[in-house]
Amino acid sequence: MIDKRTLILAAAASTALAASGLHAPAQAQAAYPTKPIRLIVPASPGTAVDVTARFFSERLARRLNSPVVVENRDGAGGAVGITFVSKAPADGYTILFAGIPLYATPHVSEAPVSFDPVKDFTPVARFNGAALAFVVPASSPYKTLQDLIAAMKARPNDLTFASGGNGSTSQMCTALLNEMTRTKARHVAYKGNSPAVTDTVGGQVDFTCNSSAVVPLVKSGKLRALAVTSRVRWDELPEVPTVAEAGVPGYEISSWIGAIAPVGTPAAIVQKLSDELVAIAQGSEFREFCVKQTMYVEIVDAKPFQAGAVAEAARWKRLADLTKAN
């Protein structure tokens, strides 16, 4: 039988163990955060991922009662910022805010990258997405996407299309369309989407597949939208069909923005961040923000985001590989 003295000694030993710091890791996680959290954006200020990170940083700071700062680390198609986070301590204080470059950059970068998009990261949560639109100059003879496809079939590699650069999502969209319709077009790579759109307006190229930044130009009559790359039509351009509706069944490309932690980040911290970020994304403020940015809300929390990481990486690798043959 255990006597009273034995129980007292056991209790004292337990107290000593706690005081010695053997329970410190659990206590540290429970207290998280105890210092500022950095949201690393591998893109320049003003981009979609940057403004999204800034939206979340303000609200996350209030929810966690701790500073949350956005840090832009642009360069090499996103590789600079992504690599930085892959080598950061896995303690929940350095979080990547990114999208497709996480999975596409390793396959389109001209220089070697030192990170693995699946093995080096733990997905936390996704919040919103955006699609692109195939547009032509207002003076173009192509009134529908099928007109454009017919022209590319009749004159392989004669028509030109502008993109934001080699390996960009805007190039991937046309590469996939060419593969699915067995057509060819000549790629003209620009240093960014803005000059690509500008030259499309001016008629220097036949078409481009570009971001929602084209919406004002479509509404003003400077561009004609033939189709959008998402699964559903855009609220901003309700009369414009999806590519699938326009005669290419199964076609769909949409990008997303989310939070990703370095691999090894404690599960409890990943879950806490996921819960807080998802709660923010579920609010009406975020829906209004997405409407203004011509994006749509698409919330995926930690577990399904992590479960789909391998398939997502494979999908963007395939799309990136298509651009090399385009």
Protein backbone atom coordinates (compact mmCIF):
# COMPACT_ATOMS: atom_id res chain seq x y z
CA MET A 1 0.00 0.00 0.00
CA ILE A 2 1.25 3.49 -0.87
CA ASP A 3 1.60 5.53 2.30
CA LYS A 4 1.08 9.26 2.73
CA ARG A 5 4.82 9.94 2.82
CA THR A 6 5.32 8.27 -0.60
CA LEU A 7 2.57 10.41 -2.16
CA ILE A 8 4.15 13.55 -0.75
CA LEU A 9 7.54 12.61 -2.20
CA ALA A 10 6.01 11.83 -5.61
CA ALA A 11 4.28 15.18 -5.69
CA ALA A 12 7.51 16.94 -4.76
CA ALA A 13 9.37 15.13 -7.54
CA SER A 14 6.74 16.15 -10.07
CA THR A 15 7.05 19.76 -8.99
CA ALA A 16 10.83 19.60 -9.30
CA LEU A 17 10.62 18.21 -12.81
CA ALA A 18 8.33 21.01 -13.88
CA ALA A 19 10.64 23.59 -12.32
CA SER A 20 13.64 22.06 -14.05
CA GLY A 21 12.22 23.02 -17.45
CA LEU A 22 11.47 19.52 -18.78
CA HIS A 23 7.97 20.74 -19.66
CA ALA A 24 9.26 23.96 -21.25
CA PRO A 25 8.53 23.05 -24.91
CA ALA A 26 4.86 22.42 -24.20
CA GLN A 27 4.66 25.58 -22.12
CA ALA A 28 6.37 27.59 -24.88
CA GLN A 29 3.88 26.34 -27.46
CA ALA A 30 0.96 27.12 -25.15
CA ALA A 31 2.27 30.66 -24.69
CA TYR A 32 2.80 31.25 -28.44
CA PRO A 33 3.39 33.89 -29.59
CA THR A 34 5.88 35.60 -27.31
CA LYS A 35 7.58 37.75 -29.97
CA PRO A 36 6.72 39.33 -33.36
CA ILE A 37 5.65 37.05 -36.22
CA ARG A 38 7.03 37.78 -39.68
CA LEU A 39 4.94 37.14 -42.79
CA ILE A 40 7.41 36.77 -45.66
CA VAL A 41 6.05 37.81 -49.06
CA PRO A 42 8.20 36.62 -52.00
CA ALA A 43 6.87 39.41 -54.22
CA SER A 44 6.94 43.19 -54.45
CA PRO A 45 4.64 45.58 -52.54
CA GLY A 46 1.24 46.10 -54.12
CA THR A 47 0.95 42.62 -55.61
CA ALA A 48 -2.04 40.41 -54.81
CA VAL A 49 -0.10 38.28 -52.33
CA ASP A 50 1.35 41.40 -50.67
CA VAL A 51 -1.98 43.16 -50.10
CA THR A 52 -3.50 39.89 -48.87
CA ALA A 53 -0.66 39.42 -46.37
CA ARG A 54 -1.13 42.98 -45.11
CA PHE A 55 -4.86 42.44 -44.70
CA PHE A 56 -4.21 39.39 -42.51
CA SER A 57 -1.26 40.88 -40.59
CA GLU A 58 -3.33 43.67 -39.04
CA ARG A 59 -6.12 41.38 -37.93
CA LEU A 60 -3.89 38.51 -36.83
CA ALA A 61 -1.93 40.90 -34.63
CA ARG A 62 -5.13 41.92 -32.86
CA ARG A 63 -6.30 38.32 -32.40
CA LEU A 64 -2.94 37.13 -31.05
CA ASN A 65 -2.19 40.34 -29.13
CA SER A 66 1.26 40.31 -30.70
CA PRO A 67 3.01 42.23 -33.49
CA VAL A 68 2.72 40.68 -36.98
CA VAL A 69 4.87 42.31 -39.66
CA VAL A 70 4.98 41.86 -43.43
CA GLU A 71 8.42 41.56 -44.99
CA ASN A 72 8.86 41.65 -48.77
CA ARG A 73 11.69 39.49 -50.13
CA ASP A 74 11.23 39.61 -53.88
CA GLY A 75 13.51 38.19 -56.55
CA ALA A 76 14.13 35.22 -58.84
CA GLY A 77 10.45 34.60 -59.47
CA GLY A 78 9.75 34.24 -55.77
CA ALA A 79 12.69 31.94 -55.04
CA VAL A 80 14.47 34.47 -52.81
CA GLY A 81 11.66 34.76 -50.28
CA ILE A 82 10.67 31.10 -50.44
CA THR A 83 14.26 29.96 -49.87
CA PHE A 84 14.57 32.34 -46.92
CA VAL A 85 11.57 30.77 -45.18
CA SER A 86 12.71 27.22 -45.96
CA LYS A 87 15.88 27.89 -43.95
CA ALA A 88 14.19 29.81 -41.11
CA PRO A 89 13.72 28.29 -37.64
CA ALA A 90 10.61 26.12 -37.51
CA ASP A 91 9.17 27.92 -34.51
CA GLY A 92 6.10 29.65 -35.95
CA TYR A 93 7.66 33.11 -36.11
CA THR A 94 8.57 33.11 -39.82
CA ILE A 95 5.65 32.28 -42.10
CA LEU A 96 5.55 32.35 -45.88
CA PHE A 97 2.65 34.07 -47.61
CA ALA A 98 2.70 32.83 -51.17
CA GLY A 99 0.85 31.10 -53.97
CA ILE A 100 1.70 29.27 -57.14
CA PRO A 101 5.43 30.28 -57.20
CA LEU A 102 5.97 27.89 -54.27
CA TYR A 103 5.22 24.93 -56.56
CA ALA A 104 6.07 26.35 -59.99
CA THR A 105 9.35 28.21 -59.43
CA PRO A 106 11.53 25.09 -59.00
CA HIS A 107 10.51 23.99 -62.51
CA VAL A 108 10.72 27.30 -64.38
CA SER A 109 13.61 29.10 -62.69
CA GLU A 110 16.66 29.57 -64.89
CA ALA A 111 18.85 29.25 -61.81
CA PRO A 112 18.82 26.22 -59.48
CA VAL A 113 16.67 26.58 -56.37
CA SER A 114 17.60 25.14 -52.99
CA PHE A 115 14.15 24.30 -51.62
CA ASP A 116 11.71 21.47 -52.13
CA PRO A 117 8.12 22.79 -52.20
CA VAL A 118 6.73 19.69 -50.46
CA LYS A 119 9.52 18.42 -48.21
CA ASP A 120 10.61 21.80 -46.82
CA PHE A 121 7.22 23.25 -45.89
CA THR A 122 4.09 22.59 -43.85
CA PRO A 123 0.90 24.16 -45.30
CA VAL A 124 -1.08 26.22 -42.78
CA ALA A 125 -4.14 27.59 -44.60
CA ARG A 126 -5.36 28.94 -47.93
CA PHE A 127 -7.72 31.89 -48.18
CA ASN A 128 -8.45 33.19 -51.66
CA GLY A 129 -7.88 32.60 -55.32
CA ALA A 130 -7.86 34.32 -58.67
CA ALA A 131 -8.18 33.27 -62.26
CA LEU A 132 -7.12 34.80 -65.55
CA ALA A 133 -8.85 35.82 -68.77
CA PHE A 134 -8.03 35.40 -72.44
CA VAL A 135 -8.25 38.87 -73.98
CA VAL A 136 -7.60 40.37 -77.42
CA PRO A 137 -7.33 43.98 -78.61
CA ALA A 138 -10.65 45.70 -79.20
CA SER A 139 -9.81 45.83 -82.92
CA SER A 140 -9.12 42.08 -83.13
CA PRO A 141 -11.10 40.01 -85.64
CA TYR A 142 -11.51 37.27 -83.01
CA LYS A 143 -14.89 37.60 -81.33
CA THR A 144 -14.92 34.29 -79.45
CA LEU A 145 -12.40 31.83 -78.04
CA GLN A 146 -13.30 29.40 -80.83
CA ASP A 147 -12.35 32.09 -83.38
CA LEU A 148 -8.95 32.33 -81.72
CA ILE A 149 -8.52 28.54 -81.60
CA ALA A 150 -9.48 28.22 -85.28
CA ALA A 151 -6.89 30.85 -86.23
CA MET A 152 -4.16 29.08 -84.26
CA LYS A 153 -5.05 25.80 -85.96
CA ALA A 154 -5.02 27.38 -89.40
CA ARG A 155 -1.74 29.25 -88.85
CA PRO A 156 0.42 27.37 -86.29
CA ASN A 157 2.96 29.61 -84.52
CA ASP A 158 1.77 32.64 -86.50
CA LEU A 159 -0.36 34.27 -83.82
CA THR A 160 1.51 35.83 -80.90
CA PHE A 161 0.60 35.92 -77.22
CA ALA A 162 2.07 38.02 -74.43
CA SER A 163 2.88 36.78 -70.93
CA GLY A 164 4.36 38.19 -67.75
CA GLY A 165 7.53 36.15 -68.31
CA ASN A 166 8.86 32.68 -68.98
CA GLY A 167 7.16 30.18 -66.73
CA SER A 168 4.54 32.66 -65.55
CA THR A 169 0.95 31.64 -64.91
CA SER A 170 -0.06 33.74 -67.92
CA GLN A 171 2.16 31.57 -70.12
CA MET A 172 0.87 28.38 -68.50
CA CYS A 173 -2.70 29.29 -69.42
CA THR A 174 -1.95 29.43 -73.13
CA ALA A 175 0.36 26.41 -72.99
CA LEU A 176 -2.48 24.36 -71.52
CA LEU A 177 -4.96 25.70 -74.08
CA ASN A 178 -2.55 24.82 -76.89
CA GLU A 179 -2.12 21.31 -75.57
CA MET A 180 -5.83 20.68 -75.11
CA THR A 181 -6.80 22.08 -78.53
CA ARG A 182 -3.70 20.85 -80.41
CA THR A 183 -2.79 24.35 -81.49
CA LYS A 184 0.35 26.49 -81.42
CA ALA A 185 1.04 30.17 -80.82
CA ARG A 186 4.26 32.17 -80.56
CA HIS A 187 5.21 33.25 -77.04
CA VAL A 188 6.36 36.82 -76.36
CA ALA A 189 7.69 37.07 -72.79
CA TYR A 190 7.59 40.40 -70.98
CA LYS A 191 9.09 41.46 -67.66
CA GLY A 192 5.79 41.54 -65.82
CA ASN A 193 2.11 41.45 -66.62
CA SER A 194 1.61 45.21 -67.02
CA PRO A 195 3.71 45.62 -70.19
CA ALA A 196 2.20 42.41 -71.58
CA VAL A 197 -1.29 43.84 -71.17
CA THR A 198 -0.23 47.25 -72.52
CA ASP A 199 1.11 45.74 -75.74
CA THR A 200 -2.02 43.63 -76.11
CA VAL A 201 -4.13 46.80 -75.91
CA GLY A 202 -1.87 48.37 -78.54
CA GLY A 203 -2.15 45.40 -80.89
CA GLN A 204 1.57 44.51 -80.79
CA VAL A 205 0.51 40.95 -79.94
CA ASP A 206 -2.63 39.01 -80.82
CA PHE A 207 -3.72 38.06 -77.31
CA THR A 208 -2.77 37.47 -73.71
CA CYS A 209 -4.12 35.39 -70.85
CA ASN A 210 -3.79 37.65 -67.88
CA SER A 211 -4.99 38.53 -64.41
CA SER A 212 -8.10 40.37 -63.29
CA ALA A 213 -6.21 43.61 -63.88
CA VAL A 214 -7.63 43.40 -67.41
CA VAL A 215 -11.20 43.92 -66.13
CA PRO A 216 -11.16 47.77 -66.29
CA LEU A 217 -9.71 47.62 -69.81
CA VAL A 218 -12.44 45.21 -70.90
CA LYS A 219 -15.14 47.40 -69.38
CA SER A 220 -13.69 50.51 -71.03
CA GLY A 221 -13.67 48.81 -74.44
CA LYS A 222 -9.90 48.67 -74.91
CA LEU A 223 -9.80 44.88 -74.69
CA ARG A 224 -12.26 42.13 -75.56
CA ALA A 225 -12.53 39.20 -73.15
CA LEU A 226 -13.03 35.84 -74.85
CA ALA A 227 -13.08 33.50 -71.82
CA VAL A 228 -12.00 33.20 -68.18
CA THR A 229 -9.87 30.33 -66.88
CA SER A 230 -11.83 29.59 -63.69
CA ARG A 231 -14.51 26.94 -63.15
CA VAL A 232 -17.21 29.59 -62.91
CA ARG A 233 -17.82 32.95 -64.53
CA TRP A 234 -16.62 36.18 -62.93
CA ASP A 235 -19.11 38.47 -61.23
CA GLU A 236 -17.27 41.40 -62.83
CA LEU A 237 -17.68 39.99 -66.36
CA PRO A 238 -20.82 37.85 -66.17
CA GLU A 239 -21.29 37.74 -69.92
CA VAL A 240 -17.86 36.21 -70.54
CA PRO A 241 -17.88 32.36 -70.60
CA THR A 242 -15.38 30.08 -68.94
CA VAL A 243 -12.91 28.34 -71.24
CA ALA A 244 -14.81 25.09 -70.62
CA GLU A 245 -18.08 26.75 -71.60
CA ALA A 246 -16.39 28.19 -74.67
CA GLY A 247 -15.67 24.73 -76.03
CA VAL A 248 -12.68 23.30 -74.17
CA PRO A 249 -14.18 20.88 -71.60
CA GLY A 250 -12.05 20.24 -68.52
CA TYR A 251 -9.94 23.37 -68.86
CA GLU A 252 -9.37 25.26 -65.59
CA ILE A 253 -6.51 27.25 -64.08
CA SER A 254 -6.82 29.27 -60.89
CA SER A 255 -4.16 30.50 -58.53
CA TRP A 256 -4.37 30.78 -54.75
CA ILE A 257 -2.77 32.57 -51.82
CA GLY A 258 -2.00 30.93 -48.50
CA ALA A 259 0.23 30.69 -45.44
CA ILE A 260 2.99 28.08 -45.26
CA ALA A 261 5.38 27.32 -42.40
CA PRO A 262 8.85 25.74 -42.45
CA VAL A 263 8.70 21.96 -42.05
CA GLY A 264 9.08 20.91 -38.43
CA THR A 265 6.95 23.72 -37.05
CA PRO A 266 5.10 22.26 -34.03
CA ALA A 267 1.68 20.93 -34.97
CA ALA A 268 0.03 22.88 -32.19
CA ILE A 269 1.40 26.16 -33.55
CA VAL A 270 0.43 25.27 -37.13
CA GLN A 271 -3.11 24.49 -35.96
CA LYS A 272 -3.34 27.69 -33.90
CA LEU A 273 -2.25 29.80 -36.88
CA SER A 274 -4.62 27.92 -39.18
CA ASP A 275 -7.56 28.45 -36.81
CA GLU A 276 -6.87 32.17 -36.42
CA LEU A 277 -6.29 32.82 -40.13
CA VAL A 278 -9.37 30.85 -41.15
CA ALA A 279 -11.47 32.79 -38.65
CA ILE A 280 -10.30 36.04 -40.26
CA ALA A 281 -10.98 34.70 -43.77
CA GLN A 282 -14.53 33.75 -42.79
CA GLY A 283 -15.40 37.34 -41.91
CA SER A 284 -17.35 39.77 -44.09
CA GLU A 285 -14.35 42.14 -44.22
CA PHE A 286 -12.32 39.57 -46.11
CA ARG A 287 -15.12 38.90 -48.58
CA GLU A 288 -15.36 42.62 -49.29
CA PHE A 289 -11.57 42.80 -49.65
CA CYS A 290 -11.58 39.96 -52.20
CA VAL A 291 -14.33 41.60 -54.26
CA LYS A 292 -12.28 44.80 -54.47
CA GLN A 293 -9.19 42.82 -55.50
CA THR A 294 -11.17 40.76 -58.06
CA MET A 295 -10.42 37.57 -56.16
CA TYR A 296 -12.72 34.95 -54.69
CA VAL A 297 -12.80 33.47 -51.20
CA GLU A 298 -11.63 29.85 -51.04
CA ILE A 299 -10.80 28.70 -47.52
CA VAL A 300 -8.78 25.53 -46.94
CA ASP A 301 -7.52 24.85 -43.42
CA ALA A 302 -4.37 23.00 -42.38
CA LYS A 303 -5.35 19.34 -42.74
CA PRO A 304 -6.83 19.35 -46.29
CA PHE A 305 -4.17 21.82 -47.43
CA GLN A 306 -1.46 19.46 -46.23
CA ALA A 307 -3.21 16.40 -47.66
CA GLY A 308 -3.36 17.98 -51.13
CA ALA A 309 0.19 19.34 -51.23
CA VAL A 310 1.73 16.51 -53.26
CA ALA A 311 -1.02 16.58 -55.89
CA GLU A 312 -0.88 20.38 -56.08
CA ALA A 313 2.87 20.31 -56.60
CA ALA A 314 2.52 17.69 -59.35
CA ARG A 315 -0.16 19.72 -61.11
CA TRP A 316 1.94 22.88 -61.28
CA LYS A 317 5.01 20.92 -62.32
CA ARG A 318 3.07 19.58 -65.28
CA LEU A 319 1.86 23.06 -66.22
CA ALA A 320 5.38 24.43 -65.86
CA ASP A 321 6.71 21.65 -68.08
CA LEU A 322 4.18 22.61 -70.75
CA THR A 323 5.67 26.10 -70.97
CA LYS A 324 9.04 24.64 -71.93
CA ALA A 325 7.48 23.04 -75.00
CA ASN A 326 5.47 26.15 -75.84
